[in-house]
């Protein structure tokens, strides 16, 4: 799988942004460690999802691109597929929940995709997408459970390690596990001693429970503010990869997530969505014990007005 990530990195060269790594002396002093933030909030369309979507769609045949693709997403994958479709002149249809963040949905519309809303409480996004595959012969581009998606997402960690050198620990947000499994594979391939820890909200702890029980668990309709992690479970592909390559899973409270977004905003001048701030939340909550050199993937920065207002008006 490491070779697939390396190939994805070559494919993305000159297309995806090489996002910066930033630090905070205030935070380093507070935690007694060196913290390095990989700013995927500065990636094209504002999140790491661009990497996987481009890697996957660019590998389709010309006939497949001409027919079109369909995806389902709560926001960032929708934007990524829409943007890649625009770049590669491929028709895209994205199935989104009715409660998806407005900012993410509007951005996807601007890229030219066709949006289909559904009710997550009564309808299955997978079944709706499959209907498009069967009726219109579209190619399904899933948000995380696909080898090419995982390989593309893994380029974020590979790129980071090239920028920072080997780290003692890497903290990665976890929703469906595409970013986490790809990052873990890249990390173990380049720096075998780097301890990779997946972070998810307490209100959506399916991956953590799956990791420790070794049985796939689900959390339906999670109410976490970290909307990008509301995926009900890890995937058929990502679950075994997480078990094989990830060292530990940890959960964080809603308050810790809000505190992390506030710290990034006020102290580091970074706009990061709640899902993207999970690694810092784990450090602030002391859900992980800091080692000397710690990498934190800030997975995205697409936050809508309602959420940022809630975050910034919540007292710490």
C-alpha atoms as a PDB file:
ATOM      1  CA  UNK A   1       0.000   0.000   0.000  1.00  0.00           C
ATOM      2  CA  UNK A   2       2.933   2.366   0.597  1.00  0.00           C
ATOM      3  CA  UNK A   3       3.765   2.189  -3.114  1.00  0.00           C
ATOM      4  CA  UNK A   4       0.190   3.285  -3.889  1.00  0.00           C
ATOM      5  CA  UNK A   5       0.639   6.338  -1.664  1.00  0.00           C
ATOM      6  CA  UNK A   6       3.933   7.152  -3.373  1.00  0.00           C
ATOM      7  CA  UNK A   7       2.212   6.860  -6.767  1.00  0.00           C
ATOM      8  CA  UNK A   8      -0.616   9.083  -5.551  1.00  0.00           C
ATOM      9  CA  UNK A   9       1.915  11.676  -4.431  1.00  0.00           C
ATOM     10  CA  UNK A  10       3.396  11.768  -7.931  1.00  0.00           C
ATOM     11  CA  UNK A  11      -0.088  12.027  -9.435  1.00  0.00           C
ATOM     12  CA  UNK A  12      -0.941  14.984  -7.193  1.00  0.00           C
ATOM     13  CA  UNK A  13       2.298  16.842  -7.892  1.00  0.00           C
ATOM     14  CA  UNK A  14       1.530  20.259  -9.312  1.00  0.00           C
ATOM     15  CA  UNK A  15      -2.200  19.795  -8.661  1.00  0.00           C
ATOM     16  CA  UNK A  16      -2.606  19.601  -4.879  1.00  0.00           C
ATOM     17  CA  UNK A  17      -1.078  22.266  -2.659  1.00  0.00           C
ATOM     18  CA  UNK A  18       1.986  21.385  -0.597  1.00  0.00           C
ATOM     19  CA  UNK A  19       0.443  22.603   2.629  1.00  0.00           C
ATOM     20  CA  UNK A  20       2.593  24.264   5.308  1.00  0.00           C
ATOM     21  CA  UNK A  21       3.620  22.921   8.702  1.00  0.00           C
ATOM     22  CA  UNK A  22       3.342  25.481  11.509  1.00  0.00           C
ATOM     23  CA  UNK A  23       4.226  25.566  15.208  1.00  0.00           C
ATOM     24  CA  UNK A  24       3.294  27.503  18.349  1.00  0.00           C
ATOM     25  CA  UNK A  25       5.915  28.387  20.947  1.00  0.00           C
ATOM     26  CA  UNK A  26       3.110  29.061  23.438  1.00  0.00           C
ATOM     27  CA  UNK A  27       1.695  25.579  22.978  1.00  0.00           C
ATOM     28  CA  UNK A  28       5.112  23.905  23.013  1.00  0.00           C
ATOM     29  CA  UNK A  29       5.891  25.553  26.346  1.00  0.00           C
ATOM     30  CA  UNK A  30       2.488  24.631  27.751  1.00  0.00           C
ATOM     31  CA  UNK A  31       2.790  20.961  26.782  1.00  0.00           C
ATOM     32  CA  UNK A  32       6.536  20.491  27.118  1.00  0.00           C
ATOM     33  CA  UNK A  33       6.842  19.080  23.621  1.00  0.00           C
ATOM     34  CA  UNK A  34       7.415  20.145  20.008  1.00  0.00           C
ATOM     35  CA  UNK A  35       4.077  20.210  18.173  1.00  0.00           C
ATOM     36  CA  UNK A  36       3.936  20.394  14.379  1.00  0.00           C
ATOM     37  CA  UNK A  37       0.640  21.173  12.654  1.00  0.00           C
ATOM     38  CA  UNK A  38       0.051  19.994   9.091  1.00  0.00           C
ATOM     39  CA  UNK A  39      -2.296  22.638   7.671  1.00  0.00           C
ATOM     40  CA  UNK A  40      -4.638  20.796   5.334  1.00  0.00           C
ATOM     41  CA  UNK A  41      -7.068  23.639   5.975  1.00  0.00           C
ATOM     42  CA  UNK A  42      -4.951  25.377   3.300  1.00  0.00           C
ATOM     43  CA  UNK A  43      -5.451  22.541   0.806  1.00  0.00           C
ATOM     44  CA  UNK A  44      -7.530  23.136  -2.336  1.00  0.00           C
ATOM     45  CA  UNK A  45     -11.234  23.366  -1.356  1.00  0.00           C
ATOM     46  CA  UNK A  46     -10.047  23.660   2.246  1.00  0.00           C
ATOM     47  CA  UNK A  47      -9.459  20.047   3.272  1.00  0.00           C
ATOM     48  CA  UNK A  48      -7.389  16.905   2.769  1.00  0.00           C
ATOM     49  CA  UNK A  49     -10.290  15.336   0.850  1.00  0.00           C
ATOM     50  CA  UNK A  50      -9.025  16.876  -2.379  1.00  0.00           C
ATOM     51  CA  UNK A  51      -6.068  14.490  -2.317  1.00  0.00           C
ATOM     52  CA  UNK A  52      -8.146  11.327  -2.323  1.00  0.00           C
ATOM     53  CA  UNK A  53     -10.794  12.565  -4.736  1.00  0.00           C
ATOM     54  CA  UNK A  54      -8.245  13.671  -7.319  1.00  0.00           C
ATOM     55  CA  UNK A  55      -6.204  10.496  -7.017  1.00  0.00           C
ATOM     56  CA  UNK A  56      -9.316   8.371  -7.484  1.00  0.00           C
ATOM     57  CA  UNK A  57     -11.093  10.242 -10.270  1.00  0.00           C
ATOM     58  CA  UNK A  58      -7.916  10.924 -12.266  1.00  0.00           C
ATOM     59  CA  UNK A  59      -7.374   7.155 -12.538  1.00  0.00           C
ATOM     60  CA  UNK A  60     -10.724   6.526 -14.234  1.00  0.00           C
ATOM     61  CA  UNK A  61     -10.822   5.731 -17.929  1.00  0.00           C
ATOM     62  CA  UNK A  62     -11.903   8.439 -20.345  1.00  0.00           C
ATOM     63  CA  UNK A  63     -15.164   6.541 -20.870  1.00  0.00           C
ATOM     64  CA  UNK A  64     -15.837   6.455 -17.134  1.00  0.00           C
ATOM     65  CA  UNK A  65     -15.112  10.173 -16.800  1.00  0.00           C
ATOM     66  CA  UNK A  66     -17.435  10.900 -19.725  1.00  0.00           C
ATOM     67  CA  UNK A  67     -20.308   8.978 -18.109  1.00  0.00           C
ATOM     68  CA  UNK A  68     -19.887  10.798 -14.791  1.00  0.00           C
ATOM     69  CA  UNK A  69     -19.387  10.000 -11.134  1.00  0.00           C
ATOM     70  CA  UNK A  70     -21.550   9.963  -8.012  1.00  0.00           C
ATOM     71  CA  UNK A  71     -20.498  10.460  -4.402  1.00  0.00           C
ATOM     72  CA  UNK A  72     -22.074  10.872  -0.977  1.00  0.00           C
ATOM     73  CA  UNK A  73     -20.759  13.218   1.684  1.00  0.00           C
ATOM     74  CA  UNK A  74     -21.574  15.485   4.616  1.00  0.00           C
ATOM     75  CA  UNK A  75     -19.542  18.275   3.058  1.00  0.00           C
ATOM     76  CA  UNK A  76     -15.803  18.133   2.414  1.00  0.00           C
ATOM     77  CA  UNK A  77     -15.835  15.105   0.113  1.00  0.00           C
ATOM     78  CA  UNK A  78     -18.710  16.753  -1.758  1.00  0.00           C
ATOM     79  CA  UNK A  79     -16.566  19.828  -2.380  1.00  0.00           C
ATOM     80  CA  UNK A  80     -13.555  17.730  -3.321  1.00  0.00           C
ATOM     81  CA  UNK A  81     -15.437  15.621  -5.874  1.00  0.00           C
ATOM     82  CA  UNK A  82     -17.098  18.729  -7.285  1.00  0.00           C
ATOM     83  CA  UNK A  83     -13.786  20.556  -7.702  1.00  0.00           C
ATOM     84  CA  UNK A  84     -12.020  17.558  -9.208  1.00  0.00           C
ATOM     85  CA  UNK A  85     -14.917  17.069 -11.604  1.00  0.00           C
ATOM     86  CA  UNK A  86     -14.518  20.671 -12.710  1.00  0.00           C
ATOM     87  CA  UNK A  87     -10.754  20.258 -13.173  1.00  0.00           C
ATOM     88  CA  UNK A  88     -11.074  16.996 -15.101  1.00  0.00           C
ATOM     89  CA  UNK A  89     -14.257  17.981 -16.979  1.00  0.00           C
ATOM     90  CA  UNK A  90     -16.213  15.151 -15.408  1.00  0.00           C
ATOM     91  CA  UNK A  91     -19.923  15.376 -14.542  1.00  0.00           C
ATOM     92  CA  UNK A  92     -20.459  14.930 -10.803  1.00  0.00           C
ATOM     93  CA  UNK A  93     -23.492  14.200  -8.635  1.00  0.00           C
ATOM     94  CA  UNK A  94     -23.180  14.346  -4.861  1.00  0.00           C
ATOM     95  CA  UNK A  95     -25.711  13.055  -2.329  1.00  0.00           C
ATOM     96  CA  UNK A  96     -25.677  15.172   0.825  1.00  0.00           C
ATOM     97  CA  UNK A  97     -27.645  15.103   4.100  1.00  0.00           C
ATOM     98  CA  UNK A  98     -30.190  17.852   4.583  1.00  0.00           C
ATOM     99  CA  UNK A  99     -28.331  19.021   7.708  1.00  0.00           C
ATOM    100  CA  UNK A 100     -24.924  19.348   6.038  1.00  0.00           C
ATOM    101  CA  UNK A 101     -23.044  22.615   6.784  1.00  0.00           C
ATOM    102  CA  UNK A 102     -24.292  25.364   4.476  1.00  0.00           C
ATOM    103  CA  UNK A 103     -20.802  26.669   3.677  1.00  0.00           C
ATOM    104  CA  UNK A 104     -19.655  23.287   2.377  1.00  0.00           C
ATOM    105  CA  UNK A 105     -22.784  22.775   0.303  1.00  0.00           C
ATOM    106  CA  UNK A 106     -22.633  26.240  -1.275  1.00  0.00           C
ATOM    107  CA  UNK A 107     -18.993  25.710  -2.208  1.00  0.00           C
ATOM    108  CA  UNK A 108     -19.825  22.385  -3.862  1.00  0.00           C
ATOM    109  CA  UNK A 109     -22.588  24.096  -5.856  1.00  0.00           C
ATOM    110  CA  UNK A 110     -20.164  26.758  -7.045  1.00  0.00           C
ATOM    111  CA  UNK A 111     -17.871  24.057  -8.444  1.00  0.00           C
ATOM    112  CA  UNK A 112     -20.751  22.917 -10.652  1.00  0.00           C
ATOM    113  CA  UNK A 113     -21.877  19.634  -9.143  1.00  0.00           C
ATOM    114  CA  UNK A 114     -25.448  18.365  -9.014  1.00  0.00           C
ATOM    115  CA  UNK A 115     -26.528  18.088  -5.371  1.00  0.00           C
ATOM    116  CA  UNK A 116     -29.154  15.629  -4.177  1.00  0.00           C
ATOM    117  CA  UNK A 117     -30.295  16.072  -0.558  1.00  0.00           C
ATOM    118  CA  UNK A 118     -31.562  13.208   1.588  1.00  0.00           C
ATOM    119  CA  UNK A 119     -32.857  12.647   5.117  1.00  0.00           C
ATOM    120  CA  UNK A 120     -30.205  10.671   7.043  1.00  0.00           C
ATOM    121  CA  UNK A 121     -32.813   9.498   9.562  1.00  0.00           C
ATOM    122  CA  UNK A 122     -35.022   7.798   6.959  1.00  0.00           C
ATOM    123  CA  UNK A 123     -32.855   7.252   3.875  1.00  0.00           C
ATOM    124  CA  UNK A 124     -29.587   5.480   3.099  1.00  0.00           C
ATOM    125  CA  UNK A 125     -27.023   7.519   1.184  1.00  0.00           C
ATOM    126  CA  UNK A 126     -25.352   4.313   0.013  1.00  0.00           C
ATOM    127  CA  UNK A 127     -28.599   3.021  -1.486  1.00  0.00           C
ATOM    128  CA  UNK A 128     -29.294   6.342  -3.184  1.00  0.00           C
ATOM    129  CA  UNK A 129     -25.799   6.386  -4.686  1.00  0.00           C
ATOM    130  CA  UNK A 130     -26.131   2.786  -5.845  1.00  0.00           C
ATOM    131  CA  UNK A 131     -29.315   3.719  -7.707  1.00  0.00           C
ATOM    132  CA  UNK A 132     -27.336   6.276  -9.737  1.00  0.00           C
ATOM    133  CA  UNK A 133     -24.685   3.660 -10.453  1.00  0.00           C
ATOM    134  CA  UNK A 134     -27.296   1.184 -11.699  1.00  0.00           C
ATOM    135  CA  UNK A 135     -29.559   3.565 -13.603  1.00  0.00           C
ATOM    136  CA  UNK A 136     -27.030   5.987 -15.103  1.00  0.00           C
ATOM    137  CA  UNK A 137     -23.864   3.881 -15.077  1.00  0.00           C
ATOM    138  CA  UNK A 138     -22.020   6.461 -12.972  1.00  0.00           C
ATOM    139  CA  UNK A 139     -18.836   5.482 -11.149  1.00  0.00           C
ATOM    140  CA  UNK A 140     -19.108   5.640  -7.360  1.00  0.00           C
ATOM    141  CA  UNK A 141     -16.428   7.724  -5.628  1.00  0.00           C
ATOM    142  CA  UNK A 142     -16.815   6.835  -1.925  1.00  0.00           C
ATOM    143  CA  UNK A 143     -15.618   9.252   0.762  1.00  0.00           C
ATOM    144  CA  UNK A 144     -13.071   6.905   2.349  1.00  0.00           C
ATOM    145  CA  UNK A 145     -13.527   3.181   1.679  1.00  0.00           C
ATOM    146  CA  UNK A 146     -11.563   2.849  -1.569  1.00  0.00           C
ATOM    147  CA  UNK A 147      -7.853   2.040  -2.114  1.00  0.00           C
ATOM    148  CA  UNK A 148      -7.273   5.097  -4.312  1.00  0.00           C
ATOM    149  CA  UNK A 149      -9.002   7.407  -1.829  1.00  0.00           C
ATOM    150  CA  UNK A 150      -6.934   6.004   1.051  1.00  0.00           C
ATOM    151  CA  UNK A 151      -3.721   6.342  -0.951  1.00  0.00           C
ATOM    152  CA  UNK A 152      -4.503   9.943  -1.809  1.00  0.00           C
ATOM    153  CA  UNK A 153      -5.285  10.828   1.797  1.00  0.00           C
ATOM    154  CA  UNK A 154      -2.066   9.158   2.922  1.00  0.00           C
ATOM    155  CA  UNK A 155      -0.036  11.678   0.929  1.00  0.00           C
ATOM    156  CA  UNK A 156      -0.782  14.298   3.616  1.00  0.00           C
ATOM    157  CA  UNK A 157       1.233  12.396   6.225  1.00  0.00           C
ATOM    158  CA  UNK A 158       3.908  11.416   3.716  1.00  0.00           C
ATOM    159  CA  UNK A 159       4.347  15.049   2.753  1.00  0.00           C
ATOM    160  CA  UNK A 160       4.426  16.117   6.397  1.00  0.00           C
ATOM    161  CA  UNK A 161       7.172  13.661   7.323  1.00  0.00           C
ATOM    162  CA  UNK A 162       9.236  14.919   4.414  1.00  0.00           C
ATOM    163  CA  UNK A 163       8.837  18.438   5.834  1.00  0.00           C
ATOM    164  CA  UNK A 164       9.453  17.640   9.526  1.00  0.00           C
ATOM    165  CA  UNK A 165      11.559  14.502   9.517  1.00  0.00           C
ATOM    166  CA  UNK A 166      10.480  11.525  11.580  1.00  0.00           C
ATOM    167  CA  UNK A 167       8.138  12.226  14.491  1.00  0.00           C
ATOM    168  CA  UNK A 168       7.578  10.406  17.766  1.00  0.00           C
ATOM    169  CA  UNK A 169       3.800  10.614  17.477  1.00  0.00           C
ATOM    170  CA  UNK A 170       1.208  11.528  14.854  1.00  0.00           C
ATOM    171  CA  UNK A 171      -2.355  12.509  15.817  1.00  0.00           C
ATOM    172  CA  UNK A 172      -4.934  12.103  13.057  1.00  0.00           C
ATOM    173  CA  UNK A 173      -8.693  12.839  13.052  1.00  0.00           C
ATOM    174  CA  UNK A 174     -10.890   9.837  12.359  1.00  0.00           C
ATOM    175  CA  UNK A 175     -14.267   9.712  10.670  1.00  0.00           C
ATOM    176  CA  UNK A 176     -14.481   6.855   8.188  1.00  0.00           C
ATOM    177  CA  UNK A 177     -10.787   6.090   8.552  1.00  0.00           C
ATOM    178  CA  UNK A 178      -9.470   7.031   5.108  1.00  0.00           C
ATOM    179  CA  UNK A 179      -7.140   9.746   6.342  1.00  0.00           C
ATOM    180  CA  UNK A 180      -6.181   7.760   9.435  1.00  0.00           C
ATOM    181  CA  UNK A 181      -5.380   4.500   7.660  1.00  0.00           C
ATOM    182  CA  UNK A 182      -3.550   6.244   4.810  1.00  0.00           C
ATOM    183  CA  UNK A 183      -1.545   8.371   7.249  1.00  0.00           C
ATOM    184  CA  UNK A 184      -0.689   5.352   9.384  1.00  0.00           C
ATOM    185  CA  UNK A 185       0.531   3.355   6.386  1.00  0.00           C
ATOM    186  CA  UNK A 186       2.669   6.275   5.203  1.00  0.00           C
ATOM    187  CA  UNK A 187       4.050   6.878   8.690  1.00  0.00           C
ATOM    188  CA  UNK A 188       4.926   3.254   9.361  1.00  0.00           C
ATOM    189  CA  UNK A 189       6.535   2.993   5.945  1.00  0.00           C
ATOM    190  CA  UNK A 190       8.730   6.062   6.402  1.00  0.00           C
ATOM    191  CA  UNK A 191       9.157   6.189  10.190  1.00  0.00           C
ATOM    192  CA  UNK A 192       8.339   2.797  11.773  1.00  0.00           C
ATOM    193  CA  UNK A 193       8.820   4.104  15.318  1.00  0.00           C
ATOM    194  CA  UNK A 194       6.262   6.890  14.932  1.00  0.00           C
ATOM    195  CA  UNK A 195       3.248   6.142  17.138  1.00  0.00           C
ATOM    196  CA  UNK A 196       0.050   6.848  15.177  1.00  0.00           C
ATOM    197  CA  UNK A 197      -3.069   7.671  17.190  1.00  0.00           C
ATOM    198  CA  UNK A 198      -6.531   8.227  15.776  1.00  0.00           C
ATOM    199  CA  UNK A 199      -8.738  10.825  17.448  1.00  0.00           C
ATOM    200  CA  UNK A 200     -12.529  11.021  17.345  1.00  0.00           C
ATOM    201  CA  UNK A 201     -15.302  12.708  19.360  1.00  0.00           C
ATOM    202  CA  UNK A 202     -16.744  11.005  22.417  1.00  0.00           C
ATOM    203  CA  UNK A 203     -20.169  11.414  20.803  1.00  0.00           C
ATOM    204  CA  UNK A 204     -19.017   9.456  17.759  1.00  0.00           C
ATOM    205  CA  UNK A 205     -16.720   6.826  19.242  1.00  0.00           C
ATOM    206  CA  UNK A 206     -17.471   3.977  16.832  1.00  0.00           C
ATOM    207  CA  UNK A 207     -13.869   3.678  15.593  1.00  0.00           C
ATOM    208  CA  UNK A 208     -12.427   3.644  19.101  1.00  0.00           C
ATOM    209  CA  UNK A 209     -14.831   0.937  20.205  1.00  0.00           C
ATOM    210  CA  UNK A 210     -14.171  -0.975  16.985  1.00  0.00           C
ATOM    211  CA  UNK A 211     -10.412  -0.716  17.497  1.00  0.00           C
ATOM    212  CA  UNK A 212     -10.436  -2.109  21.020  1.00  0.00           C
ATOM    213  CA  UNK A 213     -13.205  -4.692  20.564  1.00  0.00           C
ATOM    214  CA  UNK A 214     -11.871  -5.814  17.151  1.00  0.00           C
ATOM    215  CA  UNK A 215     -15.505  -5.837  16.034  1.00  0.00           C
ATOM    216  CA  UNK A 216     -16.976  -3.164  13.778  1.00  0.00           C
ATOM    217  CA  UNK A 217     -19.187  -0.780  15.773  1.00  0.00           C
ATOM    218  CA  UNK A 218     -21.599   1.925  14.620  1.00  0.00           C
ATOM    219  CA  UNK A 219     -22.842   5.294  15.869  1.00  0.00           C
ATOM    220  CA  UNK A 220     -25.818   6.532  13.884  1.00  0.00           C
ATOM    221  CA  UNK A 221     -26.711  10.240  13.720  1.00  0.00           C
ATOM    222  CA  UNK A 222     -23.943  11.477  16.011  1.00  0.00           C
ATOM    223  CA  UNK A 223     -24.638  14.928  17.470  1.00  0.00           C
ATOM    224  CA  UNK A 224     -20.989  15.990  17.655  1.00  0.00           C
ATOM    225  CA  UNK A 225     -20.018  19.481  16.519  1.00  0.00           C
ATOM    226  CA  UNK A 226     -17.280  17.779  14.484  1.00  0.00           C
ATOM    227  CA  UNK A 227     -19.587  17.179  11.506  1.00  0.00           C
ATOM    228  CA  UNK A 228     -16.856  15.673   9.350  1.00  0.00           C
ATOM    229  CA  UNK A 229     -16.644  12.678  11.687  1.00  0.00           C
ATOM    230  CA  UNK A 230     -20.333  11.767  11.734  1.00  0.00           C
ATOM    231  CA  UNK A 231     -19.709   8.736   9.530  1.00  0.00           C
ATOM    232  CA  UNK A 232     -21.553   5.824  11.209  1.00  0.00           C
ATOM    233  CA  UNK A 233     -18.598   3.429  11.099  1.00  0.00           C
ATOM    234  CA  UNK A 234     -15.226   2.559   9.644  1.00  0.00           C
ATOM    235  CA  UNK A 235     -15.334   0.873   6.246  1.00  0.00           C
ATOM    236  CA  UNK A 236     -14.752  -2.674   5.092  1.00  0.00           C
ATOM    237  CA  UNK A 237     -11.338  -1.616   3.796  1.00  0.00           C
ATOM    238  CA  UNK A 238     -10.362   0.996   6.391  1.00  0.00           C
ATOM    239  CA  UNK A 239     -11.282  -1.071   9.461  1.00  0.00           C
ATOM    240  CA  UNK A 240      -8.666  -3.819   8.937  1.00  0.00           C
ATOM    241  CA  UNK A 241      -6.077  -1.203   7.907  1.00  0.00           C
ATOM    242  CA  UNK A 242      -6.691   0.765  11.112  1.00  0.00           C
ATOM    243  CA  UNK A 243      -6.325  -2.435  13.143  1.00  0.00           C
ATOM    244  CA  UNK A 244      -3.053  -3.262  11.399  1.00  0.00           C
ATOM    245  CA  UNK A 245      -1.295   0.106  11.238  1.00  0.00           C
ATOM    246  CA  UNK A 246      -2.730   2.370  13.963  1.00  0.00           C
ATOM    247  CA  UNK A 247      -1.237   2.160  17.456  1.00  0.00           C
ATOM    248  CA  UNK A 248      -4.120   3.554  19.518  1.00  0.00           C
ATOM    249  CA  UNK A 249      -7.438   5.404  19.414  1.00  0.00           C
ATOM    250  CA  UNK A 250      -8.568   8.164  21.762  1.00  0.00           C
ATOM    251  CA  UNK A 251     -11.763  10.207  22.150  1.00  0.00           C
ATOM    252  CA  UNK A 252     -12.257  13.867  23.086  1.00  0.00           C
ATOM    253  CA  UNK A 253     -15.115  15.858  24.583  1.00  0.00           C
ATOM    254  CA  UNK A 254     -17.120  18.526  22.784  1.00  0.00           C
ATOM    255  CA  UNK A 255     -15.650  21.128  25.146  1.00  0.00           C
ATOM    256  CA  UNK A 256     -12.103  20.074  24.257  1.00  0.00           C
ATOM    257  CA  UNK A 257     -12.923  20.316  20.542  1.00  0.00           C
ATOM    258  CA  UNK A 258     -14.280  23.833  20.994  1.00  0.00           C
ATOM    259  CA  UNK A 259     -11.247  24.844  23.060  1.00  0.00           C
ATOM    260  CA  UNK A 260      -8.948  23.542  20.325  1.00  0.00           C
ATOM    261  CA  UNK A 261     -10.738  25.515  17.580  1.00  0.00           C
ATOM    262  CA  UNK A 262     -10.578  28.613  19.799  1.00  0.00           C
ATOM    263  CA  UNK A 263      -6.846  28.182  20.447  1.00  0.00           C
ATOM    264  CA  UNK A 264      -6.101  27.759  16.747  1.00  0.00           C
ATOM    265  CA  UNK A 265      -8.210  30.810  15.902  1.00  0.00           C
ATOM    266  CA  UNK A 266      -7.091  33.220  18.604  1.00  0.00           C
ATOM    267  CA  UNK A 267      -3.502  32.157  19.249  1.00  0.00           C
ATOM    268  CA  UNK A 268      -2.364  30.785  15.888  1.00  0.00           C
ATOM    269  CA  UNK A 269      -4.656  32.775  13.562  1.00  0.00           C
ATOM    270  CA  UNK A 270      -5.825  29.583  11.865  1.00  0.00           C
ATOM    271  CA  UNK A 271      -9.406  28.838  10.825  1.00  0.00           C
ATOM    272  CA  UNK A 272      -9.913  25.119  11.447  1.00  0.00           C
ATOM    273  CA  UNK A 273     -13.220  23.255  11.504  1.00  0.00           C
ATOM    274  CA  UNK A 274     -14.042  21.159  14.604  1.00  0.00           C
ATOM    275  CA  UNK A 275     -13.252  17.872  12.845  1.00  0.00           C
ATOM    276  CA  UNK A 276      -9.837  19.213  11.891  1.00  0.00           C
ATOM    277  CA  UNK A 277      -8.970  20.226  15.450  1.00  0.00           C
ATOM    278  CA  UNK A 278      -9.378  16.809  17.073  1.00  0.00           C
ATOM    279  CA  UNK A 279      -5.637  16.180  17.439  1.00  0.00           C
ATOM    280  CA  UNK A 280      -5.088  19.412  19.334  1.00  0.00           C
ATOM    281  CA  UNK A 281      -8.204  18.677  21.416  1.00  0.00           C
ATOM    282  CA  UNK A 282      -6.596  15.400  22.490  1.00  0.00           C
ATOM    283  CA  UNK A 283      -3.463  17.231  23.617  1.00  0.00           C
ATOM    284  CA  UNK A 284      -5.388  19.926  25.488  1.00  0.00           C
ATOM    285  CA  UNK A 285      -7.617  17.328  27.171  1.00  0.00           C
ATOM    286  CA  UNK A 286      -4.549  15.194  27.970  1.00  0.00           C
ATOM    287  CA  UNK A 287      -6.138  12.241  26.213  1.00  0.00           C
ATOM    288  CA  UNK A 288      -2.632  11.436  24.977  1.00  0.00           C
ATOM    289  CA  UNK A 289       0.698  11.758  26.758  1.00  0.00           C
ATOM    290  CA  UNK A 290       2.918  14.087  24.693  1.00  0.00           C
ATOM    291  CA  UNK A 291       6.203  12.732  23.405  1.00  0.00           C
ATOM    292  CA  UNK A 292       9.115  14.841  22.184  1.00  0.00           C
ATOM    293  CA  UNK A 293       8.034  15.596  18.610  1.00  0.00           C
ATOM    294  CA  UNK A 294       4.344  15.366  17.784  1.00  0.00           C
ATOM    295  CA  UNK A 295       2.635  15.801  14.446  1.00  0.00           C
ATOM    296  CA  UNK A 296      -0.997  16.940  14.331  1.00  0.00           C
ATOM    297  CA  UNK A 297      -3.004  16.822  11.110  1.00  0.00           C
ATOM    298  CA  UNK A 298      -5.380  19.790  10.835  1.00  0.00           C
ATOM    299  CA  UNK A 299      -7.621  18.080   8.328  1.00  0.00           C
ATOM    300  CA  UNK A 300      -9.778  20.990   7.152  1.00  0.00           C
ATOM    301  CA  UNK A 301     -10.927  24.560   7.568  1.00  0.00           C
ATOM    302  CA  UNK A 302     -14.456  24.581   6.156  1.00  0.00           C
ATOM    303  CA  UNK A 303     -16.558  25.951   8.984  1.00  0.00           C
ATOM    304  CA  UNK A 304     -19.894  27.712   8.549  1.00  0.00           C
ATOM    305  CA  UNK A 305     -21.063  30.903  10.242  1.00  0.00           C
ATOM    306  CA  UNK A 306     -23.377  29.159  12.700  1.00  0.00           C
ATOM    307  CA  UNK A 307     -20.672  26.794  13.928  1.00  0.00           C
ATOM    308  CA  UNK A 308     -17.927  29.402  14.228  1.00  0.00           C
ATOM    309  CA  UNK A 309     -20.350  31.637  16.155  1.00  0.00           C
ATOM    310  CA  UNK A 310     -21.117  28.770  18.540  1.00  0.00           C
ATOM    311  CA  UNK A 311     -17.431  28.036  19.007  1.00  0.00           C
ATOM    312  CA  UNK A 312     -16.266  31.581  19.549  1.00  0.00           C
ATOM    313  CA  UNK A 313     -19.098  32.500  21.920  1.00  0.00           C
ATOM    314  CA  UNK A 314     -18.671  29.436  24.131  1.00  0.00           C
ATOM    315  CA  UNK A 315     -16.792  30.310  27.310  1.00  0.00           C
ATOM    316  CA  UNK A 316     -13.766  28.160  28.095  1.00  0.00           C
END
